[in-house]
Amino acid sequence: MFHFLADDVWRSLSFLRRRKNCTLFHGSSLDKALRNKSVTTVCLFFRPSPREVLKWAESLEALLTNQYGLVVFRHFLRSEFSEENLDFWLAVERFKRIRPLSKMAARATKIYEEY
């Protein structure tokens, strides 16, 4: 079963194997997202290898810790009208790293009010 999932991910993300640069399909919204100035450096210098992309099928954490994967996943979530779920998860992950602990209450309140 895992083999079929990996094959599906491999085919779905085949654009990563075919392209030498960041342009995907001219005019696509993913292409525009990857050309955004805030992700240009990520796209040009941190393009994942096919092996790394296959790890995304095994681990959501592997996807979310890869900047390129995060851009692609955010694009997908936006198309499903659920981008705020990723924003919430990222806010909680940042919350877990807050030091000193005295700042946690204020940050927790901010997360609660925002989401």
C-alpha atoms as a PDB file:
ATOM      1  CA  MET A   1       0.000   0.000   0.000  1.00  0.00           C
ATOM      2  CA  PHE A   2       2.807   2.427   0.866  1.00  0.00           C
ATOM      3  CA  HIS A   3       4.350   1.780  -2.537  1.00  0.00           C
ATOM      4  CA  PHE A   4       1.159   3.028  -4.231  1.00  0.00           C
ATOM      5  CA  LEU A   5       1.139   6.155  -2.064  1.00  0.00           C
ATOM      6  CA  ALA A   6       4.775   6.881  -2.888  1.00  0.00           C
ATOM      7  CA  ASP A   7       4.064   6.385  -6.610  1.00  0.00           C
ATOM      8  CA  ASP A   8       1.112   8.748  -6.384  1.00  0.00           C
ATOM      9  CA  VAL A   9       3.203  11.434  -4.657  1.00  0.00           C
ATOM     10  CA  TRP A  10       5.990  10.877  -7.191  1.00  0.00           C
ATOM     11  CA  ARG A  11       3.597  11.476 -10.110  1.00  0.00           C
ATOM     12  CA  SER A  12       1.774  14.358  -8.433  1.00  0.00           C
ATOM     13  CA  LEU A  13       4.995  16.227  -7.763  1.00  0.00           C
ATOM     14  CA  SER A  14       6.682  15.329 -11.018  1.00  0.00           C
ATOM     15  CA  PHE A  15       7.033  19.000 -11.879  1.00  0.00           C
ATOM     16  CA  LEU A  16       9.889  19.121  -9.364  1.00  0.00           C
ATOM     17  CA  ARG A  17      11.824  16.557 -11.387  1.00  0.00           C
ATOM     18  CA  ARG A  18      11.220  18.095 -14.815  1.00  0.00           C
ATOM     19  CA  ARG A  19      12.120  21.715 -14.236  1.00  0.00           C
ATOM     20  CA  LYS A  20      15.574  23.151 -13.799  1.00  0.00           C
ATOM     21  CA  ASN A  21      14.206  26.507 -12.667  1.00  0.00           C
ATOM     22  CA  CYS A  22      11.224  27.764 -10.711  1.00  0.00           C
ATOM     23  CA  THR A  23       8.808  28.291 -13.557  1.00  0.00           C
ATOM     24  CA  LEU A  24       6.165  25.645 -13.645  1.00  0.00           C
ATOM     25  CA  PHE A  25       3.179  26.160 -15.871  1.00  0.00           C
ATOM     26  CA  HIS A  26       3.021  29.721 -17.132  1.00  0.00           C
ATOM     27  CA  GLY A  27       0.283  31.591 -15.368  1.00  0.00           C
ATOM     28  CA  SER A  28      -0.546  28.916 -12.782  1.00  0.00           C
ATOM     29  CA  SER A  29      -1.170  30.122  -9.256  1.00  0.00           C
ATOM     30  CA  LEU A  30       1.526  27.785  -7.911  1.00  0.00           C
ATOM     31  CA  ASP A  31       3.988  29.274 -10.368  1.00  0.00           C
ATOM     32  CA  LYS A  32       3.051  32.740  -9.100  1.00  0.00           C
ATOM     33  CA  ALA A  33       3.428  31.621  -5.483  1.00  0.00           C
ATOM     34  CA  LEU A  34       6.893  30.223  -6.164  1.00  0.00           C
ATOM     35  CA  ARG A  35       7.929  33.416  -7.984  1.00  0.00           C
ATOM     36  CA  ASN A  36       6.826  35.548  -5.032  1.00  0.00           C
ATOM     37  CA  LYS A  37       9.789  37.591  -3.769  1.00  0.00           C
ATOM     38  CA  SER A  38       9.486  36.121  -0.273  1.00  0.00           C
ATOM     39  CA  VAL A  39      10.112  32.600  -1.596  1.00  0.00           C
ATOM     40  CA  THR A  40      12.461  33.307  -4.505  1.00  0.00           C
ATOM     41  CA  THR A  41      15.545  32.389  -2.485  1.00  0.00           C
ATOM     42  CA  VAL A  42      13.859  29.240  -1.200  1.00  0.00           C
ATOM     43  CA  CYS A  43      12.868  28.229  -4.713  1.00  0.00           C
ATOM     44  CA  LEU A  44      16.233  28.881  -6.302  1.00  0.00           C
ATOM     45  CA  PHE A  45      18.548  27.496  -3.671  1.00  0.00           C
ATOM     46  CA  PHE A  46      16.559  24.933  -1.702  1.00  0.00           C
ATOM     47  CA  ARG A  47      14.719  23.013  -4.395  1.00  0.00           C
ATOM     48  CA  PRO A  48      14.177  19.528  -2.976  1.00  0.00           C
ATOM     49  CA  SER A  49      15.520  16.386  -4.529  1.00  0.00           C
ATOM     50  CA  PRO A  50      13.053  13.709  -5.684  1.00  0.00           C
ATOM     51  CA  ARG A  51      14.127  11.604  -2.682  1.00  0.00           C
ATOM     52  CA  GLU A  52      13.290  14.466  -0.325  1.00  0.00           C
ATOM     53  CA  VAL A  53       9.895  14.926  -1.975  1.00  0.00           C
ATOM     54  CA  LEU A  54       9.131  11.243  -1.441  1.00  0.00           C
ATOM     55  CA  LYS A  55       9.810  11.736   2.281  1.00  0.00           C
ATOM     56  CA  TRP A  56       6.883  14.153   2.321  1.00  0.00           C
ATOM     57  CA  ALA A  57       4.564  11.190   1.674  1.00  0.00           C
ATOM     58  CA  GLU A  58       5.910   9.529   4.806  1.00  0.00           C
ATOM     59  CA  SER A  59       6.009  12.496   7.152  1.00  0.00           C
ATOM     60  CA  LEU A  60       4.055  15.713   7.395  1.00  0.00           C
ATOM     61  CA  GLU A  61       6.867  17.050   9.551  1.00  0.00           C
ATOM     62  CA  ALA A  62       9.334  16.433   6.701  1.00  0.00           C
ATOM     63  CA  LEU A  63       7.073  18.449   4.396  1.00  0.00           C
ATOM     64  CA  LEU A  64       6.580  21.321   6.827  1.00  0.00           C
ATOM     65  CA  THR A  65      10.255  21.639   7.742  1.00  0.00           C
ATOM     66  CA  ASN A  66      11.206  22.015   4.085  1.00  0.00           C
ATOM     67  CA  GLN A  67      10.659  25.621   2.954  1.00  0.00           C
ATOM     68  CA  TYR A  68       9.831  24.618  -0.610  1.00  0.00           C
ATOM     69  CA  GLY A  69       7.426  21.964   0.656  1.00  0.00           C
ATOM     70  CA  LEU A  70       5.784  24.510   2.920  1.00  0.00           C
ATOM     71  CA  VAL A  71       5.157  26.838  -0.036  1.00  0.00           C
ATOM     72  CA  VAL A  72       3.660  24.023  -2.116  1.00  0.00           C
ATOM     73  CA  PHE A  73       1.546  22.747   0.793  1.00  0.00           C
ATOM     74  CA  ARG A  74       0.307  26.260   1.610  1.00  0.00           C
ATOM     75  CA  HIS A  75      -0.717  26.636  -2.036  1.00  0.00           C
ATOM     76  CA  PHE A  76      -2.669  23.379  -1.843  1.00  0.00           C
ATOM     77  CA  LEU A  77      -4.381  24.401   1.398  1.00  0.00           C
ATOM     78  CA  ARG A  78      -5.312  27.758  -0.115  1.00  0.00           C
ATOM     79  CA  SER A  79      -7.019  25.926  -2.980  1.00  0.00           C
ATOM     80  CA  GLU A  80      -8.997  23.948  -0.372  1.00  0.00           C
ATOM     81  CA  PHE A  81      -9.870  27.100   1.625  1.00  0.00           C
ATOM     82  CA  SER A  82      -8.028  25.811   4.675  1.00  0.00           C
ATOM     83  CA  GLU A  83      -4.790  27.777   4.734  1.00  0.00           C
ATOM     84  CA  GLU A  84      -5.661  29.037   8.229  1.00  0.00           C
ATOM     85  CA  ASN A  85      -5.154  25.493   9.555  1.00  0.00           C
ATOM     86  CA  LEU A  86      -1.490  25.681   8.575  1.00  0.00           C
ATOM     87  CA  ASP A  87      -1.182  29.167  10.048  1.00  0.00           C
ATOM     88  CA  PHE A  88      -2.606  27.877  13.339  1.00  0.00           C
ATOM     89  CA  TRP A  89      -0.254  24.883  13.399  1.00  0.00           C
ATOM     90  CA  LEU A  90       2.781  27.084  12.688  1.00  0.00           C
ATOM     91  CA  ALA A  91       1.700  29.525  15.430  1.00  0.00           C
ATOM     92  CA  VAL A  92       1.457  26.655  17.927  1.00  0.00           C
ATOM     93  CA  GLU A  93       4.870  25.316  16.879  1.00  0.00           C
ATOM     94  CA  ARG A  94       6.378  28.778  17.460  1.00  0.00           C
ATOM     95  CA  PHE A  95       4.507  28.930  20.788  1.00  0.00           C
ATOM     96  CA  LYS A  96       6.189  25.714  21.933  1.00  0.00           C
ATOM     97  CA  ARG A  97       9.608  27.368  21.533  1.00  0.00           C
ATOM     98  CA  ILE A  98       8.819  30.553  23.493  1.00  0.00           C
ATOM     99  CA  ARG A  99      11.383  31.483  26.096  1.00  0.00           C
ATOM    100  CA  PRO A 100      11.125  32.776  28.780  1.00  0.00           C
ATOM    101  CA  LEU A 101       8.058  30.853  29.857  1.00  0.00           C
ATOM    102  CA  SER A 102       6.529  34.026  31.323  1.00  0.00           C
ATOM    103  CA  LYS A 103       5.760  35.171  27.745  1.00  0.00           C
ATOM    104  CA  MET A 104       3.720  32.039  26.986  1.00  0.00           C
ATOM    105  CA  ALA A 105       0.453  33.283  28.535  1.00  0.00           C
ATOM    106  CA  ALA A 106       0.391  36.419  26.397  1.00  0.00           C
ATOM    107  CA  ARG A 107       1.205  34.452  23.245  1.00  0.00           C
ATOM    108  CA  ALA A 108      -1.440  31.815  24.081  1.00  0.00           C
ATOM    109  CA  THR A 109      -4.034  34.564  24.410  1.00  0.00           C
ATOM    110  CA  LYS A 110      -3.004  36.029  21.067  1.00  0.00           C
ATOM    111  CA  ILE A 111      -3.287  32.617  19.350  1.00  0.00           C
ATOM    112  CA  TYR A 112      -6.676  32.023  20.971  1.00  0.00           C
ATOM    113  CA  GLU A 113      -8.002  35.417  19.815  1.00  0.00           C
ATOM    114  CA  GLU A 114      -6.635  35.015  16.297  1.00  0.00           C
ATOM    115  CA  TYR A 115      -7.817  31.471  15.626  1.00  0.00           C
END
